[in-house]
Every structure is written in C-alpha cells, then in structure tokens.
C-alpha cells in the first residue's frame, strides 16, 4: 500500500478536486478530503480532530463535510458538521462510505473518493442549496497529514 502522498498521482488528485468543485456548485456545503498514513485509535475521533485542525468547524452554516483516509491502517470516515447532521441521517453517510469502499477494494482510490463526493449534492443540496452569492470558505485541494 503506497503512503498518503503517493496514493493519488497528480491526475487523480485533479480528478478529486474537480469532483469537489462540481459538488460545491450544487450545494453550499464545504467538502474536504484529508489523507494521511496512520490513524492511531478510533477513526471517528481522529477524523473529528482533523476536521477541527482544518478549521472546518468554522464555516458560517456549519456545513462542512470531511472525507478522511488513513492509508496504511486502512481506516476511513466521512463526517459532517453540526449544521449538516441536523438534516442528514446516518444511513446517508453509510451509503457514501459503501460507494467509496467498493472502489477502494479494487485499488481505485480516486474513483472511490469521487463516488462519495458525487453523492453529497443529492442529499445536501436540499438543506444547503447553492446560492448565487456563495463564498468558497475552505480550500478544495486535498490535504495530507
């Protein structure tokens, strides 16, 4: 298994960033992907920590979504901020996770990330529709730990 910085080549990174930008054209939610090598302990605890480190808990509508991947430990999580969690049920996150995991199982990491990202606007667009005056509050680029 390659390390975090080698998981996606440049073209795959651009594909994921474009998927984020496309999703954010359909919803005001702010989407980030974070990839690191290891996750010691509970994956949801670590994803929550990264969420805060990336300042995703500071968006105006509390509508951030983080897709977290710990490559070497094969741990992943998808979490939303408090504004999103008021509207979105756990089953939706499970659907995103399954879509991502099915691609990951075949080594298609960019495809897995894009599949999960592609599902977000369908659900989030209803409670957080894109507005003409939306401001992109968070970078779209993938962060690496």
C-alpha atoms as a PDB file:
ATOM      1  CA  UNK A   1       0.000   0.000   0.000  1.00  0.00           C
ATOM      2  CA  UNK A   2       1.527   3.348  -1.021  1.00  0.00           C
ATOM      3  CA  UNK A   3       1.868   6.133   1.505  1.00  0.00           C
ATOM      4  CA  UNK A   4      -0.533   9.052   1.801  1.00  0.00           C
ATOM      5  CA  UNK A   5       1.374  11.343  -0.541  1.00  0.00           C
ATOM      6  CA  UNK A   6       1.635   8.607  -3.203  1.00  0.00           C
ATOM      7  CA  UNK A   7      -1.931   7.283  -3.001  1.00  0.00           C
ATOM      8  CA  UNK A   8      -3.111   9.597  -5.778  1.00  0.00           C
ATOM      9  CA  UNK A   9      -0.957  10.773  -8.646  1.00  0.00           C
ATOM     10  CA  UNK A  10      -1.292  14.341  -9.874  1.00  0.00           C
ATOM     11  CA  UNK A  11      -4.012  13.489 -12.403  1.00  0.00           C
ATOM     12  CA  UNK A  12      -6.032  11.587  -9.779  1.00  0.00           C
ATOM     13  CA  UNK A  13      -5.688  14.487  -7.333  1.00  0.00           C
ATOM     14  CA  UNK A  14      -7.002  16.863 -10.001  1.00  0.00           C
ATOM     15  CA  UNK A  15      -9.919  14.491 -10.635  1.00  0.00           C
ATOM     16  CA  UNK A  16     -10.854  14.534  -6.930  1.00  0.00           C
ATOM     17  CA  UNK A  17     -10.509  18.320  -6.666  1.00  0.00           C
ATOM     18  CA  UNK A  18     -12.730  18.741  -9.727  1.00  0.00           C
ATOM     19  CA  UNK A  19     -15.318  16.413  -8.132  1.00  0.00           C
ATOM     20  CA  UNK A  20     -15.276  18.642  -5.034  1.00  0.00           C
ATOM     21  CA  UNK A  21     -15.722  21.782  -7.140  1.00  0.00           C
ATOM     22  CA  UNK A  22     -18.566  20.215  -9.109  1.00  0.00           C
ATOM     23  CA  UNK A  23     -20.322  19.104  -5.918  1.00  0.00           C
ATOM     24  CA  UNK A  24     -19.920  22.564  -4.407  1.00  0.00           C
ATOM     25  CA  UNK A  25     -21.619  24.079  -7.466  1.00  0.00           C
ATOM     26  CA  UNK A  26     -24.741  22.139  -6.434  1.00  0.00           C
ATOM     27  CA  UNK A  27     -24.624  22.744  -2.676  1.00  0.00           C
ATOM     28  CA  UNK A  28     -23.276  25.373  -0.315  1.00  0.00           C
ATOM     29  CA  UNK A  29     -21.680  22.591   1.771  1.00  0.00           C
ATOM     30  CA  UNK A  30     -17.896  22.755   2.088  1.00  0.00           C
ATOM     31  CA  UNK A  31     -16.160  19.476   1.212  1.00  0.00           C
ATOM     32  CA  UNK A  32     -12.607  18.459   2.099  1.00  0.00           C
ATOM     33  CA  UNK A  33     -10.552  15.299   1.657  1.00  0.00           C
ATOM     34  CA  UNK A  34      -7.710  14.531   4.056  1.00  0.00           C
ATOM     35  CA  UNK A  35      -5.284  11.646   3.535  1.00  0.00           C
ATOM     36  CA  UNK A  36      -2.617  10.512   5.983  1.00  0.00           C
ATOM     37  CA  UNK A  37      -0.675   7.337   6.662  1.00  0.00           C
ATOM     38  CA  UNK A  38      -1.795   6.322  10.139  1.00  0.00           C
ATOM     39  CA  UNK A  39      -4.754   6.650  12.445  1.00  0.00           C
ATOM     40  CA  UNK A  40      -3.966   5.596  15.962  1.00  0.00           C
ATOM     41  CA  UNK A  41      -7.150   4.810  17.855  1.00  0.00           C
ATOM     42  CA  UNK A  42     -10.715   5.380  16.769  1.00  0.00           C
ATOM     43  CA  UNK A  43     -11.124   6.640  13.206  1.00  0.00           C
ATOM     44  CA  UNK A  44     -14.080   8.900  14.044  1.00  0.00           C
ATOM     45  CA  UNK A  45     -12.107  10.535  16.852  1.00  0.00           C
ATOM     46  CA  UNK A  46      -9.192  11.182  14.501  1.00  0.00           C
ATOM     47  CA  UNK A  47     -11.467  12.465  11.721  1.00  0.00           C
ATOM     48  CA  UNK A  48     -13.083  14.853  14.204  1.00  0.00           C
ATOM     49  CA  UNK A  49      -9.632  16.081  15.255  1.00  0.00           C
ATOM     50  CA  UNK A  50      -8.613  16.669  11.620  1.00  0.00           C
ATOM     51  CA  UNK A  51     -11.963  18.391  10.985  1.00  0.00           C
ATOM     52  CA  UNK A  52     -11.067  20.909  13.680  1.00  0.00           C
ATOM     53  CA  UNK A  53      -7.423  21.250  12.560  1.00  0.00           C
ATOM     54  CA  UNK A  54      -8.632  22.129   9.059  1.00  0.00           C
ATOM     55  CA  UNK A  55     -10.964  24.737  10.591  1.00  0.00           C
ATOM     56  CA  UNK A  56     -13.954  23.016   9.040  1.00  0.00           C
ATOM     57  CA  UNK A  57     -15.966  23.756  12.174  1.00  0.00           C
ATOM     58  CA  UNK A  58     -15.776  27.476  11.427  1.00  0.00           C
ATOM     59  CA  UNK A  59     -17.982  27.704   8.346  1.00  0.00           C
ATOM     60  CA  UNK A  60     -20.869  30.133   8.645  1.00  0.00           C
ATOM     61  CA  UNK A  61     -23.579  27.477   8.244  1.00  0.00           C
ATOM     62  CA  UNK A  62     -21.615  24.693   9.981  1.00  0.00           C
ATOM     63  CA  UNK A  63     -21.920  22.733   6.746  1.00  0.00           C
ATOM     64  CA  UNK A  64     -18.516  21.133   6.291  1.00  0.00           C
ATOM     65  CA  UNK A  65     -18.021  17.510   5.218  1.00  0.00           C
ATOM     66  CA  UNK A  66     -14.724  15.688   5.673  1.00  0.00           C
ATOM     67  CA  UNK A  67     -13.689  12.507   3.915  1.00  0.00           C
ATOM     68  CA  UNK A  68     -10.826  11.115   5.964  1.00  0.00           C
ATOM     69  CA  UNK A  69      -8.486   8.315   4.832  1.00  0.00           C
ATOM     70  CA  UNK A  70      -5.664   6.685   6.827  1.00  0.00           C
ATOM     71  CA  UNK A  71      -3.917   4.724   4.085  1.00  0.00           C
ATOM     72  CA  UNK A  72      -1.589   2.354   5.926  1.00  0.00           C
ATOM     73  CA  UNK A  73      -4.151   1.495   8.605  1.00  0.00           C
ATOM     74  CA  UNK A  74      -6.962   1.135   6.039  1.00  0.00           C
ATOM     75  CA  UNK A  75      -9.333   3.338   8.008  1.00  0.00           C
ATOM     76  CA  UNK A  76     -11.801   5.791   6.516  1.00  0.00           C
ATOM     77  CA  UNK A  77     -14.541   8.067   7.790  1.00  0.00           C
ATOM     78  CA  UNK A  78     -16.983  10.584   6.382  1.00  0.00           C
ATOM     79  CA  UNK A  79     -18.240  13.171   8.848  1.00  0.00           C
ATOM     80  CA  UNK A  80     -20.365  16.297   8.690  1.00  0.00           C
ATOM     81  CA  UNK A  81     -20.540  19.364  10.899  1.00  0.00           C
ATOM     82  CA  UNK A  82     -23.418  20.087  13.269  1.00  0.00           C
ATOM     83  CA  UNK A  83     -25.443  22.033  10.698  1.00  0.00           C
ATOM     84  CA  UNK A  84     -25.448  19.093   8.325  1.00  0.00           C
ATOM     85  CA  UNK A  85     -26.056  16.472  10.989  1.00  0.00           C
ATOM     86  CA  UNK A  86     -29.344  18.163  11.907  1.00  0.00           C
ATOM     87  CA  UNK A  87     -30.694  17.131   8.499  1.00  0.00           C
ATOM     88  CA  UNK A  88     -28.751  14.105   7.324  1.00  0.00           C
ATOM     89  CA  UNK A  89     -29.403  10.635   8.683  1.00  0.00           C
ATOM     90  CA  UNK A  90     -26.711   8.069   9.449  1.00  0.00           C
ATOM     91  CA  UNK A  91     -27.905   5.892   6.558  1.00  0.00           C
ATOM     92  CA  UNK A  92     -26.784   8.548   4.090  1.00  0.00           C
ATOM     93  CA  UNK A  93     -23.228   8.529   5.447  1.00  0.00           C
ATOM     94  CA  UNK A  94     -23.272   4.721   5.258  1.00  0.00           C
ATOM     95  CA  UNK A  95     -24.277   4.923   1.585  1.00  0.00           C
ATOM     96  CA  UNK A  96     -21.385   7.302   0.853  1.00  0.00           C
ATOM     97  CA  UNK A  97     -18.994   5.060   2.757  1.00  0.00           C
ATOM     98  CA  UNK A  98     -20.087   1.940   0.835  1.00  0.00           C
ATOM     99  CA  UNK A  99     -19.727   3.715  -2.510  1.00  0.00           C
ATOM    100  CA  UNK A 100     -16.215   4.793  -1.588  1.00  0.00           C
ATOM    101  CA  UNK A 101     -15.195   1.445  -0.090  1.00  0.00           C
ATOM    102  CA  UNK A 102     -16.278  -0.600  -3.096  1.00  0.00           C
ATOM    103  CA  UNK A 103     -13.831   1.364  -5.264  1.00  0.00           C
ATOM    104  CA  UNK A 104     -11.093   1.264  -2.627  1.00  0.00           C
ATOM    105  CA  UNK A 105     -11.358  -2.543  -2.530  1.00  0.00           C
ATOM    106  CA  UNK A 106     -10.214  -2.670  -6.161  1.00  0.00           C
ATOM    107  CA  UNK A 107      -7.450  -0.082  -5.683  1.00  0.00           C
ATOM    108  CA  UNK A 108      -9.419   2.718  -7.360  1.00  0.00           C
ATOM    109  CA  UNK A 109      -8.870   5.400  -4.734  1.00  0.00           C
ATOM    110  CA  UNK A 110      -9.690   8.403  -6.911  1.00  0.00           C
ATOM    111  CA  UNK A 111     -12.849   6.671  -8.106  1.00  0.00           C
ATOM    112  CA  UNK A 112     -13.867   5.915  -4.527  1.00  0.00           C
ATOM    113  CA  UNK A 113     -13.378   9.487  -3.372  1.00  0.00           C
ATOM    114  CA  UNK A 114     -15.224  10.825  -6.419  1.00  0.00           C
ATOM    115  CA  UNK A 115     -18.091   8.365  -5.887  1.00  0.00           C
ATOM    116  CA  UNK A 116     -18.593   9.529  -2.304  1.00  0.00           C
ATOM    117  CA  UNK A 117     -18.223  13.199  -3.235  1.00  0.00           C
ATOM    118  CA  UNK A 118     -20.680  12.748  -6.108  1.00  0.00           C
ATOM    119  CA  UNK A 119     -23.405  11.568  -3.721  1.00  0.00           C
ATOM    120  CA  UNK A 120     -23.133  14.609  -1.446  1.00  0.00           C
ATOM    121  CA  UNK A 121     -25.046  17.194  -3.520  1.00  0.00           C
ATOM    122  CA  UNK A 122     -28.103  14.950  -3.859  1.00  0.00           C
ATOM    123  CA  UNK A 123     -28.680  14.962  -0.123  1.00  0.00           C
ATOM    124  CA  UNK A 124     -27.021  18.216   0.920  1.00  0.00           C
ATOM    125  CA  UNK A 125     -28.392  20.289  -1.951  1.00  0.00           C
ATOM    126  CA  UNK A 126     -31.854  20.115  -0.407  1.00  0.00           C
ATOM    127  CA  UNK A 127     -30.903  21.505   3.009  1.00  0.00           C
ATOM    128  CA  UNK A 128     -27.901  23.521   1.821  1.00  0.00           C
ATOM    129  CA  UNK A 129     -28.650  24.611  -1.749  1.00  0.00           C
ATOM    130  CA  UNK A 130     -26.036  26.512  -3.687  1.00  0.00           C
ATOM    131  CA  UNK A 131     -26.691  30.255  -3.634  1.00  0.00           C
ATOM    132  CA  UNK A 132     -25.568  32.795  -6.224  1.00  0.00           C
ATOM    133  CA  UNK A 133     -23.581  34.632  -3.539  1.00  0.00           C
ATOM    134  CA  UNK A 134     -21.941  31.524  -2.043  1.00  0.00           C
ATOM    135  CA  UNK A 135     -18.380  32.010  -0.880  1.00  0.00           C
ATOM    136  CA  UNK A 136     -15.963  29.089  -1.019  1.00  0.00           C
ATOM    137  CA  UNK A 137     -14.973  29.155   2.653  1.00  0.00           C
ATOM    138  CA  UNK A 138     -12.492  26.266   2.550  1.00  0.00           C
ATOM    139  CA  UNK A 139      -9.831  25.160   0.049  1.00  0.00           C
ATOM    140  CA  UNK A 140     -10.847  22.427  -2.386  1.00  0.00           C
ATOM    141  CA  UNK A 141      -7.394  20.866  -2.505  1.00  0.00           C
ATOM    142  CA  UNK A 142      -6.675  17.557  -0.801  1.00  0.00           C
ATOM    143  CA  UNK A 143      -4.777  17.899   2.464  1.00  0.00           C
ATOM    144  CA  UNK A 144      -2.143  15.393   3.526  1.00  0.00           C
ATOM    145  CA  UNK A 145      -1.038  14.568   7.044  1.00  0.00           C
END
